[in-house]
N, C-alpha and C. Protein backbone atom coordinates (compact mmCIF):
# COMPACT_ATOMS: atom_id res chain seq x y z
N MET A 1 82.19 92.02 195.87
CA MET A 1 83.25 91.98 196.85
C MET A 1 84.60 91.64 196.21
N PHE A 2 84.56 90.92 195.07
CA PHE A 2 85.80 90.56 194.41
C PHE A 2 86.53 91.77 193.85
N ILE A 3 85.80 92.86 193.56
CA ILE A 3 86.43 94.07 193.05
C ILE A 3 87.32 94.69 194.12
N ILE A 4 86.83 94.74 195.35
CA ILE A 4 87.64 95.26 196.46
C ILE A 4 88.84 94.35 196.69
N GLY A 5 88.64 93.04 196.58
CA GLY A 5 89.74 92.10 196.71
C GLY A 5 90.81 92.31 195.65
N ASN A 6 90.38 92.52 194.41
CA ASN A 6 91.34 92.78 193.33
C ASN A 6 92.06 94.11 193.55
N PHE A 7 91.33 95.10 194.04
CA PHE A 7 91.95 96.40 194.32
C PHE A 7 93.01 96.26 195.40
N LEU A 8 92.68 95.54 196.47
CA LEU A 8 93.65 95.35 197.55
C LEU A 8 94.87 94.56 197.07
N ALA A 9 94.64 93.58 196.21
CA ALA A 9 95.77 92.82 195.66
C ALA A 9 96.67 93.71 194.81
N ALA A 10 96.08 94.61 194.04
CA ALA A 10 96.87 95.53 193.22
C ALA A 10 97.65 96.51 194.10
N VAL A 11 97.00 97.01 195.15
CA VAL A 11 97.68 97.93 196.07
C VAL A 11 98.84 97.22 196.76
N ALA A 12 98.63 95.98 197.18
CA ALA A 12 99.70 95.22 197.83
C ALA A 12 100.87 95.02 196.88
N LYS A 13 100.59 94.73 195.63
CA LYS A 13 101.66 94.52 194.65
C LYS A 13 102.43 95.80 194.38
N ILE A 14 101.72 96.92 194.26
CA ILE A 14 102.38 98.21 194.01
C ILE A 14 103.25 98.60 195.20
N ILE A 15 102.74 98.42 196.42
CA ILE A 15 103.54 98.72 197.62
C ILE A 15 104.77 97.83 197.67
N ASP A 16 104.61 96.56 197.33
CA ASP A 16 105.74 95.64 197.34
C ASP A 16 106.81 96.06 196.33
N ILE A 17 106.40 96.42 195.14
CA ILE A 17 107.36 96.86 194.11
C ILE A 17 108.04 98.16 194.53
N ALA A 18 107.28 99.11 195.07
CA ALA A 18 107.86 100.38 195.49
C ALA A 18 108.87 100.18 196.63
N LEU A 19 108.54 99.33 197.58
CA LEU A 19 109.47 99.07 198.68
C LEU A 19 110.72 98.36 198.20
N THR A 20 110.58 97.43 197.29
CA THR A 20 111.75 96.74 196.74
C THR A 20 112.64 97.72 195.97
N LEU A 21 112.03 98.57 195.18
CA LEU A 21 112.80 99.59 194.44
C LEU A 21 113.53 100.53 195.39
N TYR A 22 112.84 100.97 196.44
CA TYR A 22 113.47 101.88 197.41
C TYR A 22 114.61 101.18 198.15
N MET A 23 114.44 99.88 198.42
CA MET A 23 115.51 99.14 199.09
C MET A 23 116.75 99.10 198.20
N TRP A 24 116.58 98.89 196.90
CA TRP A 24 117.72 98.88 195.99
C TRP A 24 118.34 100.27 195.86
N ILE A 25 117.54 101.31 195.94
CA ILE A 25 118.09 102.68 195.92
C ILE A 25 118.95 102.91 197.16
N ILE A 26 118.51 102.44 198.31
CA ILE A 26 119.30 102.59 199.53
C ILE A 26 120.58 101.77 199.44
N ILE A 27 120.50 100.58 198.88
CA ILE A 27 121.72 99.78 198.69
C ILE A 27 122.69 100.50 197.76
N GLY A 28 122.17 101.08 196.69
CA GLY A 28 123.02 101.86 195.78
C GLY A 28 123.67 103.04 196.47
N ARG A 29 122.93 103.71 197.30
CA ARG A 29 123.49 104.84 198.06
C ARG A 29 124.59 104.37 198.99
N ALA A 30 124.39 103.23 199.65
CA ALA A 30 125.40 102.71 200.57
C ALA A 30 126.67 102.31 199.81
N VAL A 31 126.51 101.68 198.66
CA VAL A 31 127.67 101.26 197.88
C VAL A 31 128.43 102.47 197.36
N ILE A 32 127.72 103.46 196.88
CA ILE A 32 128.39 104.67 196.38
C ILE A 32 129.11 105.42 197.50
N SER A 33 128.59 105.32 198.73
CA SER A 33 129.24 106.04 199.84
C SER A 33 130.59 105.43 200.22
N TRP A 34 130.89 104.22 199.74
CA TRP A 34 132.18 103.61 200.04
C TRP A 34 133.32 104.28 199.28
N VAL A 35 133.01 104.91 198.16
CA VAL A 35 134.02 105.64 197.39
C VAL A 35 133.77 107.13 197.61
N ASN A 36 134.60 107.94 197.03
CA ASN A 36 134.42 109.39 197.16
C ASN A 36 133.67 109.88 195.92
N PRO A 37 132.33 109.88 195.98
CA PRO A 37 131.57 110.25 194.77
C PRO A 37 131.59 111.75 194.53
N ASP A 38 131.44 112.10 193.28
CA ASP A 38 131.33 113.50 192.90
C ASP A 38 129.95 114.01 193.33
N PRO A 39 129.90 114.99 194.25
CA PRO A 39 128.60 115.45 194.74
C PRO A 39 127.75 116.15 193.69
N TYR A 40 128.34 116.50 192.55
CA TYR A 40 127.59 117.17 191.49
C TYR A 40 127.09 116.21 190.42
N ASN A 41 127.42 114.93 190.56
CA ASN A 41 126.93 113.91 189.63
C ASN A 41 125.42 113.78 189.82
N PRO A 42 124.67 113.77 188.73
CA PRO A 42 123.20 113.69 188.86
C PRO A 42 122.71 112.42 189.56
N ILE A 43 123.40 111.31 189.35
CA ILE A 43 122.99 110.07 190.02
C ILE A 43 123.20 110.18 191.52
N VAL A 44 124.34 110.71 191.92
CA VAL A 44 124.64 110.88 193.35
C VAL A 44 123.66 111.86 193.97
N ARG A 45 123.36 112.93 193.28
CA ARG A 45 122.41 113.91 193.80
C ARG A 45 121.02 113.30 193.94
N PHE A 46 120.60 112.48 192.97
CA PHE A 46 119.31 111.80 193.05
C PHE A 46 119.27 110.86 194.24
N LEU A 47 120.30 110.03 194.39
CA LEU A 47 120.34 109.09 195.51
C LEU A 47 120.30 109.81 196.85
N ASN A 48 121.06 110.90 196.96
CA ASN A 48 121.04 111.68 198.21
C ASN A 48 119.68 112.32 198.46
N ALA A 49 119.08 112.86 197.42
CA ALA A 49 117.79 113.54 197.59
C ALA A 49 116.69 112.57 197.96
N VAL A 50 116.74 111.35 197.45
CA VAL A 50 115.68 110.39 197.69
C VAL A 50 115.85 109.68 199.04
N THR A 51 117.09 109.43 199.44
CA THR A 51 117.31 108.64 200.66
C THR A 51 117.58 109.46 201.91
N GLU A 52 118.08 110.65 201.77
CA GLU A 52 118.46 111.43 202.96
C GLU A 52 117.28 111.76 203.88
N PRO A 53 116.07 112.06 203.36
CA PRO A 53 114.96 112.32 204.29
C PRO A 53 114.61 111.13 205.18
N VAL A 54 114.92 109.92 204.74
CA VAL A 54 114.65 108.73 205.56
C VAL A 54 115.84 108.38 206.43
N LEU A 55 117.05 108.51 205.88
CA LEU A 55 118.23 108.10 206.62
C LEU A 55 118.65 109.10 207.70
N TYR A 56 118.46 110.38 207.46
CA TYR A 56 118.94 111.39 208.43
C TYR A 56 118.29 111.27 209.80
N PRO A 57 116.96 111.13 209.91
CA PRO A 57 116.37 111.00 211.26
C PRO A 57 116.86 109.77 212.01
N ILE A 58 117.08 108.68 211.29
CA ILE A 58 117.60 107.47 211.94
C ILE A 58 119.04 107.69 212.38
N ARG A 59 119.82 108.31 211.53
CA ARG A 59 121.23 108.59 211.84
C ARG A 59 121.34 109.51 213.05
N ARG A 60 120.41 110.45 213.16
CA ARG A 60 120.44 111.40 214.27
C ARG A 60 120.09 110.72 215.59
N ARG A 61 119.18 109.75 215.56
CA ARG A 61 118.73 109.09 216.79
C ARG A 61 119.55 107.85 217.15
N LEU A 62 120.37 107.38 216.23
CA LEU A 62 121.12 106.15 216.45
C LEU A 62 122.30 106.42 217.38
N PRO A 63 122.33 105.76 218.54
CA PRO A 63 123.42 106.03 219.48
C PRO A 63 124.72 105.31 219.13
N ILE A 64 124.68 104.37 218.20
CA ILE A 64 125.85 103.56 217.89
C ILE A 64 126.72 104.27 216.85
N SER A 65 127.99 104.38 217.16
CA SER A 65 128.95 104.93 216.21
C SER A 65 130.23 104.11 216.32
N LEU A 66 130.34 103.10 215.49
CA LEU A 66 131.50 102.21 215.53
C LEU A 66 132.43 102.53 214.36
N GLY A 67 133.44 103.30 214.62
CA GLY A 67 134.44 103.57 213.59
C GLY A 67 133.92 104.32 212.39
N GLY A 68 132.90 105.10 212.55
CA GLY A 68 132.35 105.88 211.44
C GLY A 68 131.48 105.09 210.48
N ILE A 69 131.06 103.88 210.86
CA ILE A 69 130.19 103.08 210.01
C ILE A 69 128.75 103.55 210.19
N ASP A 70 128.08 103.78 209.09
CA ASP A 70 126.69 104.24 209.11
C ASP A 70 125.76 103.04 209.07
N PHE A 71 125.03 102.82 210.16
CA PHE A 71 124.11 101.69 210.26
C PHE A 71 122.69 102.04 209.83
N SER A 72 122.43 103.30 209.49
CA SER A 72 121.07 103.69 209.13
C SER A 72 120.54 102.98 207.89
N PRO A 73 121.34 102.72 206.83
CA PRO A 73 120.78 101.96 205.70
C PRO A 73 120.36 100.55 206.10
N ILE A 74 121.11 99.92 206.99
CA ILE A 74 120.76 98.57 207.42
C ILE A 74 119.43 98.59 208.16
N ILE A 75 119.23 99.59 209.01
CA ILE A 75 117.99 99.70 209.77
C ILE A 75 116.81 99.94 208.83
N VAL A 76 117.00 100.82 207.85
CA VAL A 76 115.91 101.09 206.89
C VAL A 76 115.59 99.85 206.07
N ILE A 77 116.60 99.10 205.66
CA ILE A 77 116.36 97.88 204.90
C ILE A 77 115.60 96.86 205.75
N LEU A 78 115.96 96.74 207.02
CA LEU A 78 115.23 95.83 207.90
C LEU A 78 113.78 96.25 208.08
N VAL A 79 113.54 97.56 208.18
CA VAL A 79 112.17 98.06 208.29
C VAL A 79 111.39 97.76 207.00
N ILE A 80 112.03 97.94 205.87
CA ILE A 80 111.37 97.64 204.59
C ILE A 80 111.01 96.17 204.51
N ILE A 81 111.93 95.29 204.92
CA ILE A 81 111.65 93.85 204.90
C ILE A 81 110.49 93.53 205.85
N PHE A 82 110.46 94.17 207.01
CA PHE A 82 109.35 93.95 207.94
C PHE A 82 108.03 94.39 207.34
N VAL A 83 108.00 95.57 206.73
CA VAL A 83 106.76 96.08 206.13
C VAL A 83 106.31 95.17 204.99
N GLN A 84 107.27 94.68 204.20
CA GLN A 84 106.90 93.77 203.12
C GLN A 84 106.35 92.46 203.68
N SER A 85 106.95 91.98 204.75
CA SER A 85 106.50 90.71 205.33
C SER A 85 105.17 90.84 206.05
N PHE A 86 104.93 91.98 206.66
CA PHE A 86 103.71 92.16 207.46
C PHE A 86 102.60 92.82 206.65
N LEU A 87 102.80 94.04 206.22
CA LEU A 87 101.73 94.82 205.59
C LEU A 87 101.36 94.26 204.22
N VAL A 88 102.34 94.04 203.38
CA VAL A 88 102.05 93.59 202.02
C VAL A 88 101.45 92.19 202.05
N ARG A 89 102.01 91.32 202.85
CA ARG A 89 101.46 89.96 202.93
C ARG A 89 100.05 89.97 203.52
N SER A 90 99.81 90.83 204.52
CA SER A 90 98.47 90.91 205.10
C SER A 90 97.45 91.43 204.09
N LEU A 91 97.84 92.45 203.33
CA LEU A 91 96.94 92.97 202.29
C LEU A 91 96.66 91.92 201.23
N ALA A 92 97.68 91.17 200.84
CA ALA A 92 97.50 90.15 199.82
C ALA A 92 96.58 89.03 200.32
N GLU A 93 96.75 88.61 201.56
CA GLU A 93 95.89 87.56 202.11
C GLU A 93 94.45 88.06 202.29
N LEU A 94 94.29 89.32 202.70
CA LEU A 94 92.95 89.89 202.82
C LEU A 94 92.28 89.95 201.45
N ALA A 95 93.04 90.32 200.44
CA ALA A 95 92.50 90.38 199.08
C ALA A 95 92.10 88.99 198.60
N MET A 96 92.92 88.00 198.95
CA MET A 96 92.61 86.62 198.52
C MET A 96 91.33 86.13 199.19
N ARG A 97 91.15 86.47 200.46
CA ARG A 97 89.93 86.04 201.18
C ARG A 97 88.69 86.76 200.66
N MET A 98 88.86 88.02 200.24
CA MET A 98 87.71 88.77 199.72
C MET A 98 87.34 88.28 198.32
N GLY A 99 88.31 87.75 197.60
CA GLY A 99 88.05 87.29 196.24
C GLY A 99 87.31 85.97 196.19
N SER A 100 87.42 85.18 197.24
CA SER A 100 86.77 83.87 197.18
C SER A 100 85.46 83.83 197.92
């Protein structure tokens, strides 16, 4: 049973790292959007390609538009924090209980 516990602990850690990395990518996209970035820059293209599939549906459904401020990155970051607090922590605790 400890093997399944170790597997779940590893999965929880990988999900946690991936979510943290994606959160920093979204923060980078938000910071770059404050200036007028070159749309042909490879970094800008990467950030747009990675974040737009997540941000666009939220932006489309979000009824709030205050002075052109985009709240979709904030919502995605809050969802990431929730998933890290709920899913990752639950998987880690389940793994700990299976290991003992």
